[in-house]
Amino acid sequence: MSQNVTLLEQINGRYDFTFVGNTLNTGENNVQATLSYLTSSTANLNLDSEDVVQRAYLYWAGSGTGDFEIKLNDNEISAERTFSHSRFIGGTLFNFFSAFADVTNLVQVTGNGDYTFSDLDIATDLAQHFTYRTNFSGWAILIVYENPNLPLNQLNIYDGLQGVPDALQIELTDLYVLNNTNAKAGFIAWEGDSQLPTETFTVNGTIISNPFNPPNNVFNSTNSVTGSNQLYNMDLDIYEIDDYISIGDTNASIALTSFQDFIMINTVITKLNSQLPDATIVLTPPSTECDSREILIDFTVSNLNSTEFLPAATPITFYIESQPIGTTFTQGIIPIGGNENGSIILNIPESFGLNFSLIANVDDDGSGVGIVIELNENNNTFEIEIDFNVSPDFNTLPNIRNCNLGLTRGIFDFSSYEELVKTNSLHEVSFHENWDDANQNINPIFNPSNYEAITTPKEIYVRIDNGGCYAITQFLLETYNCPPTVYNAVSANNDGMNDGFFIDGLRDVFTNFELLIFNRWGKHLWTGNNNKPDWDGYVSEGVGSKQAPEGTYYYILYLNDPDYTEPLTGYLYLTR
């Protein structure tokens, strides 16, 4: 069981790296007569005055299943990531571990000076491993620093935990070599021995070495930073690799072979001169107008992880599926670490429906081809989901006609229309007295079951909302002249009850009516209309006015309405 060494982070700028660390072994485990180990050890960091720490990653490792709570300069440190490796030796399973913690803030505050690692508790595991001389423990900090005098470099940090013997090959990807001058590679490795010269280390097929690391024993308990050869059972090695990589390389292959010694690779870091931009794009989710296929897309093009400016007029193409639907360009030069905001209006063909994925590809001329060489050609795409909003469908509502209560006033019940107008039960419906109120969704009608229209015809506006869009429809409230109701009893005694000849649904409805009253011998006694009060038993036709006696009387009512061409006739009873 192991974890492949893969890319952790890529850093571009005026950067370089170094190591600080130490072993917790008192000697090489391969020659120890008795188990001996340290509970703490110290190493010194000595950067130049212009070097500014940007990253500080602590790795510690040892035999056994691990201890992931330690101290650095008496600060409690907890592992943020852990790695493990195991192998059978003599039929017994032996475990190994390493751990990672980001200690950048601690190192930035502390600066140059001594760093003491302590509180690693793996004593029980060391005793088991000592039987096969695989007991070890140690620590290292990978320091990435910035210096204004450095060239623009690309640093690639890889980590994991892979073991040898036999053969191990690690592919270093996401490189781009523009200049191989001062290219170098560094390693944090565990459990190497200077007494076992049975290993080789190759880059792109070529065996490499340096004065501290002979070609047949490169992992030999050495520290390339300090020149120490007493870094027992661990290695902090840095190699110049100018001669082993070529301009234009985007990957490199590191291979290890060992026929006796057991080695574990924990961390690899490369430094290459790569002065290139790296364009990325981010889209802001747009707001869409109801029933519109046009959208305004806001975007940000960045050149963050780069070592060169991104030129102006870098193309940006927008795709739905594989079809380009619009292209625009950056406006100005985007500096290292900078960005530029832009926007584009896209008209979306109806063939893509209401829901689709919109893909933006920076450095794409519309044919899938870029015009700028970048550090990373695989991070130019951003995708968002677009949902178009459409107004809800609705059912047409019929007009409502009720009796005219006078001067076209009417009482109406349209409460059932709330459900009738819907084509979806989840839609929200409200009624309004004018279009502006419906459009703004203000002043709803609260009494649709007993709504009084002062005058008719009256238009009622209905707003149907589906949660994203709304539609407005309308219907009419109308009145018509219903047949009047005659109450044919008159008690003209001024008691406030039936004191006059009342006909319900007549006044202010049939405004041109004419009412004639006759006695039983056919004599015309009284004429009334919309401007006169009800007949109260007084005779007004002929000479003078006098009270009519109790008895039966007859009326003729001319409504003078095109819907009522024949007069209404009948009798009434007058009492006093």
Protein backbone atom coordinates (compact mmCIF):
# COMPACT_ATOMS: atom_id res chain seq x y z
CA MET A 1 0.00 0.00 0.00
CA SER A 2 1.35 3.41 -0.98
CA GLN A 3 0.29 6.78 -2.40
CA ASN A 4 1.61 7.76 -5.80
CA VAL A 5 3.73 10.88 -5.97
CA THR A 6 1.55 13.39 -7.85
CA LEU A 7 1.38 17.15 -8.39
CA LEU A 8 0.44 19.05 -5.24
CA GLU A 9 0.98 22.63 -6.33
CA GLN A 10 2.42 24.71 -9.15
CA ILE A 11 3.93 28.11 -8.32
CA ASN A 12 5.12 30.64 -10.88
CA GLY A 13 7.19 33.74 -10.28
CA ARG A 14 10.62 34.78 -9.06
CA TYR A 15 10.86 31.75 -6.80
CA ASP A 16 13.39 29.16 -5.68
CA PHE A 17 13.41 26.51 -2.98
CA THR A 18 15.53 24.99 -0.25
CA PHE A 19 15.23 22.43 2.55
CA VAL A 20 15.77 22.52 6.29
CA GLY A 21 15.50 19.38 8.39
CA ASN A 22 17.25 16.67 10.34
CA THR A 23 17.19 13.01 11.23
CA LEU A 24 16.11 11.48 14.55
CA ASN A 25 18.47 8.53 14.05
CA THR A 26 21.80 8.56 15.91
CA GLY A 27 23.46 6.60 13.13
CA GLU A 28 22.60 4.61 10.03
CA ASN A 29 20.25 1.81 10.97
CA ASN A 30 22.12 -0.63 8.71
CA VAL A 31 25.20 -0.56 10.96
CA GLN A 32 23.63 0.03 14.38
CA ALA A 33 24.42 -2.66 16.92
CA THR A 34 21.66 -1.55 19.29
CA LEU A 35 18.56 0.55 18.79
CA SER A 36 19.23 4.21 19.42
CA TYR A 37 17.13 7.21 18.43
CA LEU A 38 16.53 10.86 19.33
CA THR A 39 13.37 12.42 20.73
CA SER A 40 14.12 15.76 19.07
CA SER A 41 16.54 17.32 16.60
CA THR A 42 17.37 20.79 15.33
CA ALA A 43 18.24 22.34 11.97
CA ASN A 44 19.11 25.89 10.97
CA LEU A 45 17.43 28.03 8.32
CA ASN A 46 19.67 30.67 6.78
CA LEU A 47 18.05 32.57 3.90
CA ASP A 48 19.44 35.72 2.29
CA SER A 49 18.06 39.06 3.42
CA GLU A 50 16.05 39.54 0.20
CA ASP A 51 14.54 36.06 0.31
CA VAL A 52 10.86 36.17 1.35
CA VAL A 53 9.23 32.92 2.46
CA GLN A 54 6.09 32.11 0.42
CA ARG A 55 5.54 28.45 1.34
CA ALA A 56 6.80 26.27 4.18
CA TYR A 57 5.64 22.65 4.13
CA LEU A 58 6.65 20.33 6.96
CA TYR A 59 7.03 16.60 6.28
CA TRP A 60 7.89 14.05 8.94
CA ALA A 61 8.20 10.29 8.62
CA GLY A 62 9.23 7.13 10.37
CA SER A 63 8.70 3.45 10.95
CA GLY A 64 5.29 2.20 12.05
CA THR A 65 1.74 3.44 11.66
CA GLY A 66 2.62 6.97 12.70
CA ASP A 67 2.32 9.81 15.17
CA PHE A 68 0.50 12.81 13.70
CA GLU A 69 0.68 15.25 16.61
CA ILE A 70 4.16 16.75 17.06
CA LYS A 71 5.85 20.03 17.97
CA LEU A 72 7.96 22.47 15.98
CA ASN A 73 9.74 25.06 18.11
CA ASP A 74 7.31 24.01 20.88
CA ASN A 75 4.29 24.81 18.70
CA GLU A 76 1.68 22.06 18.53
CA ILE A 77 1.44 20.80 14.94
CA SER A 78 -1.24 18.42 13.62
CA ALA A 79 -0.94 16.53 10.36
CA GLU A 80 -3.15 17.91 7.59
CA ARG A 81 -2.47 14.98 5.28
CA THR A 82 -0.94 11.57 5.95
CA PHE A 83 0.74 8.92 3.80
CA SER A 84 1.48 5.26 4.42
CA HIS A 85 3.51 2.44 2.92
CA SER A 86 3.85 -1.20 3.88
CA ARG A 87 5.94 -4.17 2.82
CA PHE A 88 6.41 -7.77 3.86
CA ILE A 89 9.81 -8.68 5.23
CA GLY A 90 10.39 -12.32 6.21
CA GLY A 91 6.67 -12.93 6.10
CA THR A 92 5.90 -10.06 8.49
CA LEU A 93 4.10 -6.85 7.51
CA PHE A 94 6.10 -3.72 8.25
CA ASN A 95 4.43 -0.28 8.12
CA PHE A 96 5.91 3.13 7.35
CA PHE A 97 4.30 6.57 7.42
CA SER A 98 4.80 10.23 6.59
CA ALA A 99 2.76 13.33 7.37
CA PHE A 100 2.31 16.86 6.02
CA ALA A 101 1.49 20.20 7.64
CA ASP A 102 1.54 23.72 6.24
CA VAL A 103 3.77 25.75 8.61
CA THR A 104 4.12 28.82 6.39
CA ASN A 105 2.88 31.29 9.01
CA LEU A 106 5.19 29.88 11.68
CA VAL A 107 8.28 30.09 9.43
CA GLN A 108 7.38 33.56 8.16
CA VAL A 109 7.15 34.82 11.73
CA THR A 110 10.24 32.95 12.99
CA GLY A 111 12.50 33.63 10.00
CA ASN A 112 16.12 32.55 10.03
CA GLY A 113 17.41 30.53 12.96
CA ASP A 114 17.04 27.16 14.61
CA TYR A 115 14.00 24.92 14.15
CA THR A 116 13.53 22.11 16.65
CA PHE A 117 11.30 19.15 15.89
CA SER A 118 10.07 17.12 18.91
CA ASP A 119 7.39 14.94 20.48
CA LEU A 120 7.36 12.21 17.83
CA ASP A 121 6.27 9.05 19.65
CA ILE A 122 7.03 5.92 17.60
CA ALA A 123 9.38 4.10 20.00
CA THR A 124 7.40 0.84 20.00
CA ASP A 125 7.39 0.68 16.21
CA LEU A 126 11.12 1.42 16.02
CA ALA A 127 11.86 -1.59 18.20
CA GLN A 128 9.99 -3.93 15.85
CA HIS A 129 11.72 -2.46 12.76
CA PHE A 130 15.18 -2.69 14.31
CA THR A 131 15.18 -6.44 13.77
CA TYR A 132 15.45 -5.80 10.01
CA ARG A 133 17.25 -2.46 10.30
CA THR A 134 14.30 -0.55 8.83
CA ASN A 135 14.00 1.71 11.87
CA PHE A 136 14.15 5.42 11.05
CA SER A 137 12.51 8.81 11.75
CA GLY A 138 13.17 12.33 10.59
CA TRP A 139 11.68 15.63 9.43
CA ALA A 140 12.13 18.25 6.74
CA ILE A 141 10.65 21.60 5.78
CA LEU A 142 10.36 22.47 2.10
CA ILE A 143 10.88 26.24 1.85
CA VAL A 144 9.71 28.17 -1.23
CA TYR A 145 11.01 31.74 -1.25
CA GLU A 146 10.71 34.76 -3.50
CA ASN A 147 13.61 37.02 -4.45
CA PRO A 148 13.31 39.98 -6.89
CA ASN A 149 16.70 39.12 -8.38
CA LEU A 150 15.64 35.66 -9.51
CA PRO A 151 14.43 34.92 -13.04
CA LEU A 152 10.81 33.97 -13.56
CA ASN A 153 10.57 30.29 -12.69
CA GLN A 154 7.99 27.58 -12.47
CA LEU A 155 8.10 25.43 -9.32
CA ASN A 156 6.21 22.13 -9.32
CA ILE A 157 5.71 20.38 -5.98
CA TYR A 158 4.79 16.69 -6.02
CA ASP A 159 4.22 14.46 -3.01
CA GLY A 160 2.96 11.05 -1.97
CA LEU A 161 4.81 8.03 -0.53
CA GLN A 162 6.23 5.46 -2.93
CA GLY A 163 8.81 2.86 -2.10
CA VAL A 164 11.67 1.00 -3.76
CA PRO A 165 13.31 -1.72 -4.00
CA ASP A 166 13.10 -3.00 -7.50
CA ALA A 167 12.08 -0.16 -9.87
CA LEU A 168 10.00 2.95 -9.33
CA GLN A 169 9.04 5.45 -12.01
CA ILE A 170 7.44 8.84 -11.31
CA GLU A 171 6.02 10.96 -14.11
CA LEU A 172 6.38 14.69 -13.48
CA THR A 173 3.63 16.45 -15.44
CA ASP A 174 2.40 20.01 -16.04
CA LEU A 175 5.89 21.28 -16.91
CA TYR A 176 6.77 23.77 -19.60
CA VAL A 177 10.48 24.31 -20.17
CA LEU A 178 11.45 27.52 -21.96
CA ASN A 179 15.02 27.66 -20.74
CA ASN A 180 16.83 24.76 -19.10
CA THR A 181 19.52 26.93 -17.50
CA ASN A 182 19.69 26.44 -13.71
CA ALA A 183 16.97 23.82 -13.81
CA LYS A 184 17.03 21.66 -10.70
CA ALA A 185 15.12 18.97 -8.87
CA GLY A 186 14.92 18.33 -5.14
CA PHE A 187 13.88 15.29 -3.12
CA ILE A 188 12.78 14.42 0.38
CA ALA A 189 13.51 10.70 0.69
CA TRP A 190 13.56 8.32 3.63
CA GLU A 191 15.50 5.24 4.74
CA GLY A 192 18.45 5.49 2.35
CA ASP A 193 21.87 4.14 3.45
CA SER A 194 25.36 5.24 2.49
CA GLN A 195 26.62 1.70 2.98
CA LEU A 196 24.44 0.13 0.27
CA PRO A 197 25.62 1.33 -3.17
CA THR A 198 23.07 -0.64 -5.18
CA GLU A 199 20.76 2.06 -6.55
CA THR A 200 20.49 4.35 -9.57
CA PHE A 201 18.57 7.53 -10.20
CA THR A 202 17.69 8.64 -13.73
CA VAL A 203 15.98 11.67 -15.25
CA ASN A 204 14.55 11.06 -18.71
CA GLY A 205 16.62 7.89 -18.94
CA THR A 206 19.99 9.41 -17.92
CA ILE A 207 21.70 8.44 -14.66
CA ILE A 208 22.43 11.57 -12.64
CA SER A 209 24.63 12.26 -9.65
CA ASN A 210 26.56 15.05 -7.95
CA PRO A 211 29.58 15.28 -5.62
CA PHE A 212 27.42 14.30 -2.62
CA ASN A 213 25.48 11.58 -4.38
CA PRO A 214 27.44 9.03 -6.41
CA PRO A 215 25.68 7.43 -9.39
CA ASN A 216 25.28 4.07 -7.60
CA ASN A 217 24.22 5.47 -4.20
CA VAL A 218 22.25 8.69 -4.65
CA PHE A 219 20.15 8.21 -1.50
CA ASN A 220 22.99 8.04 0.98
CA SER A 221 22.04 10.07 4.07
CA THR A 222 23.14 13.44 2.66
CA ASN A 223 21.88 17.02 2.81
CA SER A 224 22.69 18.97 -0.34
CA VAL A 225 21.88 22.29 1.37
CA THR A 226 24.35 21.92 4.27
CA GLY A 227 26.77 19.45 2.69
CA SER A 228 26.23 17.02 5.59
CA ASN A 229 26.65 13.27 5.07
CA GLN A 230 25.22 12.47 8.50
CA LEU A 231 21.54 12.85 7.74
CA TYR A 232 21.08 9.25 8.78
CA ASN A 233 18.46 7.29 6.83
CA MET A 234 16.98 10.33 5.07
CA ASP A 235 18.02 12.53 2.17
CA LEU A 236 17.47 16.19 1.32
CA ASP A 237 19.00 16.20 -2.14
CA ILE A 238 19.03 18.86 -4.85
CA TYR A 239 20.31 18.07 -8.35
CA GLU A 240 21.11 20.29 -11.28
CA ILE A 241 19.13 18.84 -14.19
CA ASP A 242 20.01 21.32 -16.99
CA ASP A 243 21.51 18.55 -19.10
CA TYR A 244 18.64 16.12 -18.63
CA ILE A 245 15.65 18.13 -19.83
CA SER A 246 15.03 20.00 -23.05
CA ILE A 247 13.37 23.27 -24.00
CA GLY A 248 9.71 22.57 -24.74
CA ASP A 249 9.43 19.58 -22.40
CA THR A 250 6.03 19.32 -20.72
CA ASN A 251 6.85 16.28 -18.62
CA ALA A 252 9.81 14.42 -17.22
CA SER A 253 10.33 10.87 -16.08
CA ILE A 254 12.20 10.06 -12.86
CA ALA A 255 13.18 6.44 -12.29
CA LEU A 256 14.74 4.75 -9.27
CA THR A 257 16.18 1.27 -9.08
CA SER A 258 17.54 -0.53 -6.06
CA PHE A 259 18.56 -4.14 -5.64
CA GLN A 260 19.19 -4.08 -1.91
CA ASP A 261 18.46 -0.77 -0.21
CA PHE A 262 14.89 0.20 0.70
CA ILE A 263 14.02 3.83 -0.16
CA MET A 264 10.81 5.86 0.02
CA ILE A 265 10.22 9.02 -1.99
CA ASN A 266 7.99 11.53 -0.16
CA THR A 267 8.43 14.82 -2.02
CA VAL A 268 9.80 15.98 -5.36
CA ILE A 269 10.17 19.62 -6.39
CA THR A 270 11.39 20.95 -9.73
CA LYS A 271 12.48 24.46 -10.68
CA LEU A 272 12.31 25.38 -14.37
CA ASN A 273 12.59 28.66 -16.21
CA SER A 274 9.13 29.13 -17.74
CA GLN A 275 8.07 32.65 -18.71
CA LEU A 276 4.53 32.10 -19.89
CA PRO A 277 1.04 33.42 -19.12
CA ASP A 278 -1.74 31.21 -17.81
CA ALA A 279 -5.23 32.37 -18.76
CA THR A 280 -8.27 31.28 -16.78
CA ILE A 281 -11.86 32.49 -16.91
CA VAL A 282 -14.75 32.65 -14.46
CA LEU A 283 -18.36 33.46 -15.38
CA THR A 284 -20.87 35.25 -13.18
CA PRO A 285 -24.27 33.49 -13.24
CA PRO A 286 -26.46 35.81 -15.31
CA SER A 287 -29.94 37.11 -14.74
CA THR A 288 -32.24 36.23 -17.61
CA GLU A 289 -35.20 38.27 -18.83
CA CYS A 290 -38.51 36.50 -19.09
CA ASP A 291 -39.33 35.23 -22.57
CA SER A 292 -35.98 36.44 -23.93
CA ARG A 293 -33.30 34.34 -25.64
CA GLU A 294 -30.72 37.09 -25.08
CA ILE A 295 -28.39 36.97 -22.08
CA LEU A 296 -25.68 39.28 -20.79
CA ILE A 297 -22.66 37.30 -19.59
CA ASP A 298 -20.16 38.96 -17.24
CA PHE A 299 -16.77 37.26 -16.98
CA THR A 300 -13.33 37.68 -15.46
CA VAL A 301 -10.18 36.60 -17.26
CA SER A 302 -7.21 36.09 -14.91
CA ASN A 303 -3.48 35.53 -15.34
CA LEU A 304 -2.81 34.37 -11.79
CA ASN A 305 -0.57 31.33 -11.92
CA SER A 306 1.80 32.77 -14.52
CA THR A 307 5.28 34.03 -15.24
CA GLU A 308 4.45 36.39 -18.10
CA PHE A 309 1.72 38.86 -19.06
CA LEU A 310 -1.30 37.71 -21.06
CA PRO A 311 -1.45 39.69 -24.31
CA ALA A 312 -4.39 41.88 -25.31
CA ALA A 313 -6.91 40.50 -27.81
CA THR A 314 -6.75 36.99 -26.37
CA PRO A 315 -9.92 35.37 -27.77
CA ILE A 316 -12.75 33.99 -25.63
CA THR A 317 -15.32 31.73 -27.23
CA PHE A 318 -18.62 30.60 -25.75
CA TYR A 319 -20.06 27.18 -26.54
CA ILE A 320 -23.27 25.28 -26.05
CA GLU A 321 -22.47 21.62 -26.49
CA SER A 322 -19.83 21.82 -29.23
CA GLN A 323 -21.37 24.76 -31.10
CA PRO A 324 -19.72 28.18 -30.74
CA ILE A 325 -22.32 30.90 -30.20
CA GLY A 326 -20.13 33.97 -29.62
CA THR A 327 -16.55 35.18 -29.44
CA THR A 328 -15.03 38.22 -27.78
CA PHE A 329 -11.50 39.34 -26.83
CA THR A 330 -9.59 40.66 -23.85
CA GLN A 331 -9.12 44.40 -24.09
CA GLY A 332 -5.72 45.05 -22.54
CA ILE A 333 -2.56 43.33 -21.39
CA ILE A 334 -3.25 41.36 -18.20
CA PRO A 335 -0.18 41.40 -15.92
CA ILE A 336 1.13 38.51 -13.85
CA GLY A 337 -1.35 37.96 -11.03
CA GLY A 338 -3.86 40.34 -12.66
CA ASN A 339 -7.32 40.05 -14.15
CA GLU A 340 -9.74 41.85 -16.44
CA ASN A 341 -13.53 42.03 -16.36
CA GLY A 342 -15.61 41.87 -19.49
CA SER A 343 -19.07 41.13 -20.82
CA ILE A 344 -20.79 39.83 -23.93
CA ILE A 345 -24.40 39.62 -25.09
CA LEU A 346 -25.29 36.19 -26.46
CA ASN A 347 -28.38 35.34 -28.47
CA ILE A 348 -29.23 31.70 -27.82
CA PRO A 349 -30.85 29.69 -30.62
CA GLU A 350 -34.21 28.20 -29.68
CA SER A 351 -32.91 24.75 -30.63
CA PHE A 352 -31.05 24.61 -27.28
CA GLY A 353 -34.26 24.78 -25.28
CA LEU A 354 -34.71 26.44 -21.93
CA ASN A 355 -31.97 24.66 -19.94
CA PHE A 356 -28.40 24.08 -21.09
CA SER A 357 -24.74 24.31 -20.10
CA LEU A 358 -22.82 27.37 -21.29
CA ILE A 359 -19.07 26.83 -21.65
CA ALA A 360 -16.55 29.67 -21.86
CA ASN A 361 -13.11 28.88 -23.24
CA VAL A 362 -10.42 31.54 -22.97
CA ASP A 363 -7.62 31.47 -25.56
CA ASP A 364 -9.93 29.90 -28.12
CA ASP A 365 -10.51 31.51 -31.51
CA GLY A 366 -13.79 29.70 -32.07
CA SER A 367 -12.31 26.62 -33.66
CA GLY A 368 -11.01 25.08 -30.45
CA VAL A 369 -7.52 26.44 -31.14
CA GLY A 370 -5.60 28.89 -28.96
CA ILE A 371 -3.23 31.64 -30.09
CA VAL A 372 -1.21 31.97 -26.85
CA ILE A 373 1.30 29.45 -25.48
CA GLU A 374 0.44 29.02 -21.80
CA LEU A 375 1.94 27.37 -18.75
CA ASN A 376 -1.16 25.21 -18.45
CA GLU A 377 -3.34 24.59 -21.49
CA ASN A 378 -5.86 22.54 -19.52
CA ASN A 379 -7.45 25.19 -17.28
CA ASN A 380 -9.05 27.55 -19.80
CA THR A 381 -12.65 26.41 -19.43
CA PHE A 382 -15.51 27.48 -17.17
CA GLU A 383 -19.04 26.07 -17.30
CA ILE A 384 -22.34 27.29 -15.86
CA GLU A 385 -25.92 26.12 -16.13
CA ILE A 386 -28.42 28.47 -17.76
CA ASP A 387 -32.15 28.30 -17.09
CA PHE A 388 -34.32 30.54 -19.23
CA ASN A 389 -37.48 31.89 -17.66
CA VAL A 390 -40.72 31.95 -19.62
CA SER A 391 -44.04 33.46 -18.70
CA PRO A 392 -46.58 30.92 -17.44
CA ASP A 393 -49.37 29.62 -19.62
CA PHE A 394 -52.89 30.38 -18.43
CA ASN A 395 -56.50 29.66 -19.26
CA THR A 396 -58.70 32.36 -20.80
CA LEU A 397 -61.31 33.63 -18.37
CA PRO A 398 -64.87 34.46 -19.50
CA ASN A 399 -66.46 37.77 -18.64
CA ILE A 400 -68.95 37.87 -15.77
CA ARG A 401 -72.42 39.47 -16.07
CA ASN A 402 -74.55 40.33 -13.06
CA CYS A 403 -77.63 42.45 -12.42
CA ASN A 404 -77.28 46.21 -12.58
CA LEU A 405 -77.79 47.48 -9.04
CA GLY A 406 -78.05 51.05 -10.19
CA LEU A 407 -76.02 53.28 -12.42
CA THR A 408 -74.21 50.11 -13.66
CA ARG A 409 -73.06 49.14 -10.15
CA GLY A 410 -72.73 45.39 -9.52
CA ILE A 411 -71.62 42.79 -6.97
CA PHE A 412 -69.48 39.92 -8.32
CA ASP A 413 -67.94 36.65 -7.17
CA PHE A 414 -64.85 35.64 -9.19
CA SER A 415 -63.04 33.72 -6.43
CA SER A 416 -63.19 30.51 -8.49
CA TYR A 417 -61.09 32.18 -11.18
CA GLU A 418 -57.95 31.75 -9.04
CA GLU A 419 -57.93 28.05 -9.85
CA LEU A 420 -59.64 28.31 -13.21
CA VAL A 421 -56.92 30.51 -14.73
CA LYS A 422 -54.05 28.17 -13.68
CA THR A 423 -52.40 25.57 -15.88
CA ASN A 424 -50.16 24.56 -12.97
CA SER A 425 -51.33 24.23 -9.40
CA LEU A 426 -48.06 25.76 -8.13
CA HIS A 427 -48.66 29.08 -9.87
CA GLU A 428 -49.54 32.07 -7.69
CA VAL A 429 -52.56 34.15 -8.74
CA SER A 430 -53.65 37.64 -7.68
CA PHE A 431 -56.36 40.04 -8.90
CA HIS A 432 -55.85 43.76 -9.48
CA GLU A 433 -57.95 46.73 -10.54
CA ASN A 434 -55.47 48.06 -13.12
CA TRP A 435 -52.58 46.84 -15.24
CA ASP A 436 -49.91 48.85 -13.41
CA ASP A 437 -50.84 47.29 -10.08
CA ALA A 438 -50.76 43.81 -11.62
CA ASN A 439 -47.40 44.52 -13.25
CA GLN A 440 -45.90 45.74 -9.97
CA ASN A 441 -47.77 43.14 -7.91
CA ILE A 442 -49.27 45.74 -5.56
CA ASN A 443 -52.77 46.50 -4.22
CA PRO A 444 -54.32 43.06 -4.77
CA ILE A 445 -58.09 42.60 -4.51
CA PHE A 446 -58.75 40.87 -1.19
CA ASN A 447 -62.49 40.13 -1.59
CA PRO A 448 -62.94 38.38 -4.95
CA SER A 449 -65.98 36.52 -3.60
CA ASN A 450 -67.92 39.74 -2.90
CA TYR A 451 -66.40 42.42 -5.08
CA GLU A 452 -68.36 45.63 -5.69
CA ALA A 453 -67.83 47.36 -9.01
CA ILE A 454 -69.10 50.93 -8.70
CA THR A 455 -69.41 51.27 -12.44
CA THR A 456 -69.32 48.71 -15.21
CA PRO A 457 -67.99 47.46 -17.48
CA LYS A 458 -65.03 47.02 -15.14
CA GLU A 459 -61.81 45.27 -16.26
CA ILE A 460 -60.11 43.01 -13.70
CA TYR A 461 -56.44 42.15 -14.24
CA VAL A 462 -55.11 38.73 -13.22
CA ARG A 463 -51.42 38.16 -12.47
CA ILE A 464 -50.16 34.55 -12.81
CA ASP A 465 -46.66 34.01 -11.34
CA ASN A 466 -44.58 30.84 -11.80
CA GLY A 467 -41.81 31.95 -9.42
CA GLY A 468 -39.57 33.35 -12.14
CA CYS A 469 -41.87 35.08 -14.58
CA TYR A 470 -45.43 36.25 -14.65
CA ALA A 471 -48.22 36.77 -17.14
CA ILE A 472 -51.19 39.14 -16.99
CA THR A 473 -54.63 38.45 -18.38
CA GLN A 474 -57.96 40.14 -17.79
CA PHE A 475 -61.71 39.71 -17.88
CA LEU A 476 -64.71 42.07 -17.76
CA LEU A 477 -67.30 42.58 -15.08
CA GLU A 478 -70.50 43.62 -16.82
CA THR A 479 -74.01 44.43 -15.68
CA TYR A 480 -77.33 44.12 -17.43
CA ASN A 481 -80.80 45.28 -16.47
CA CYS A 482 -82.56 42.45 -14.71
CA PRO A 483 -86.39 42.45 -14.58
CA PRO A 484 -87.62 44.70 -11.75
CA THR A 485 -89.55 43.23 -8.80
CA VAL A 486 -92.86 44.90 -7.96
CA TYR A 487 -94.01 45.07 -4.30
CA ASN A 488 -97.75 45.78 -4.76
CA ALA A 489 -98.72 46.81 -1.23
CA VAL A 490 -98.69 50.47 -0.17
CA SER A 491 -99.59 51.56 3.36
CA ALA A 492 -99.48 55.33 3.15
CA ASN A 493 -99.57 56.03 6.90
CA ASN A 494 -96.09 57.48 7.32
CA ASP A 495 -94.95 54.66 9.62
CA GLY A 496 -91.78 54.18 7.60
CA MET A 497 -92.89 50.85 6.18
CA ASN A 498 -94.31 50.51 2.66
CA ASP A 499 -95.21 54.20 2.60
CA GLY A 500 -94.66 54.27 -1.15
CA PHE A 501 -95.11 52.07 -4.21
CA PHE A 502 -91.61 50.40 -4.30
CA ILE A 503 -90.34 48.52 -7.34
CA ASP A 504 -86.99 46.84 -6.68
CA GLY A 505 -84.41 47.05 -9.47
CA LEU A 506 -86.09 49.99 -11.17
CA ARG A 507 -84.58 53.28 -10.05
CA ASP A 508 -81.11 54.13 -11.48
CA VAL A 509 -81.38 50.91 -13.50
CA PHE A 510 -84.05 51.79 -16.02
CA THR A 511 -83.27 55.47 -15.93
CA ASN A 512 -85.86 56.37 -18.58
CA PHE A 513 -88.77 54.47 -17.10
CA GLU A 514 -92.32 55.92 -16.92
CA LEU A 515 -94.82 54.65 -14.36
CA LEU A 516 -98.56 55.39 -14.66
CA ILE A 517 -101.12 54.81 -11.84
CA PHE A 518 -104.86 54.34 -12.58
CA ASN A 519 -107.88 53.79 -10.39
CA ARG A 520 -110.17 50.86 -11.00
CA TRP A 521 -112.32 52.90 -13.34
CA GLY A 522 -109.32 53.64 -15.55
CA LYS A 523 -108.82 57.23 -14.46
CA HIS A 524 -105.18 58.31 -14.68
CA LEU A 525 -104.06 59.49 -11.21
CA TRP A 526 -100.24 59.79 -11.20
CA THR A 527 -97.15 59.64 -13.45
CA GLY A 528 -93.68 58.83 -12.11
CA ASN A 529 -90.10 58.57 -13.45
CA ASN A 530 -86.47 58.23 -12.23
CA ASN A 531 -86.54 61.82 -10.96
CA LYS A 532 -89.70 61.56 -8.87
CA PRO A 533 -90.24 59.78 -5.54
CA ASP A 534 -92.35 56.65 -5.22
CA TRP A 535 -96.15 57.07 -5.35
CA ASP A 536 -97.43 57.59 -1.79
CA GLY A 537 -101.20 57.54 -2.47
CA TYR A 538 -101.63 61.16 -3.59
CA VAL A 539 -103.48 62.05 -6.81
CA SER A 540 -101.38 64.48 -8.85
CA GLU A 541 -103.10 64.29 -12.22
CA GLY A 542 -106.03 66.59 -12.90
CA VAL A 543 -107.04 69.56 -10.78
CA GLY A 544 -105.26 69.83 -7.43
CA SER A 545 -103.79 67.08 -5.29
CA LYS A 546 -105.70 64.92 -2.89
CA GLN A 547 -105.34 61.61 -1.12
CA ALA A 548 -106.54 58.59 -3.00
CA PRO A 549 -108.88 56.35 -0.97
CA GLU A 550 -107.96 52.89 0.10
CA GLY A 551 -108.54 50.29 -2.55
CA THR A 552 -107.14 48.55 -5.58
CA TYR A 553 -105.21 50.50 -8.20
CA TYR A 554 -103.55 49.58 -11.45
CA TYR A 555 -100.16 50.49 -12.92
CA ILE A 556 -98.50 50.50 -16.32
CA LEU A 557 -94.67 50.54 -16.24
CA TYR A 558 -92.83 51.55 -19.41
CA LEU A 559 -89.15 50.55 -18.94
CA ASN A 560 -88.07 52.19 -22.19
CA ASP A 561 -85.27 49.64 -22.54
CA PRO A 562 -84.47 47.79 -25.79
CA ASP A 563 -84.51 44.49 -23.89
CA TYR A 564 -87.99 45.17 -22.58
CA THR A 565 -90.22 46.39 -25.38
CA GLU A 566 -93.56 45.56 -23.71
CA PRO A 567 -94.76 47.48 -20.64
CA LEU A 568 -95.24 45.74 -17.32
CA THR A 569 -98.76 45.94 -15.89
CA GLY A 570 -100.39 44.93 -12.67
CA TYR A 571 -102.35 46.09 -9.62
CA LEU A 572 -101.48 47.31 -6.17
CA TYR A 573 -103.33 47.71 -2.83
CA LEU A 574 -103.42 51.02 -1.08
CA THR A 575 -104.18 51.11 2.65
CA ARG A 576 -103.93 53.86 5.22
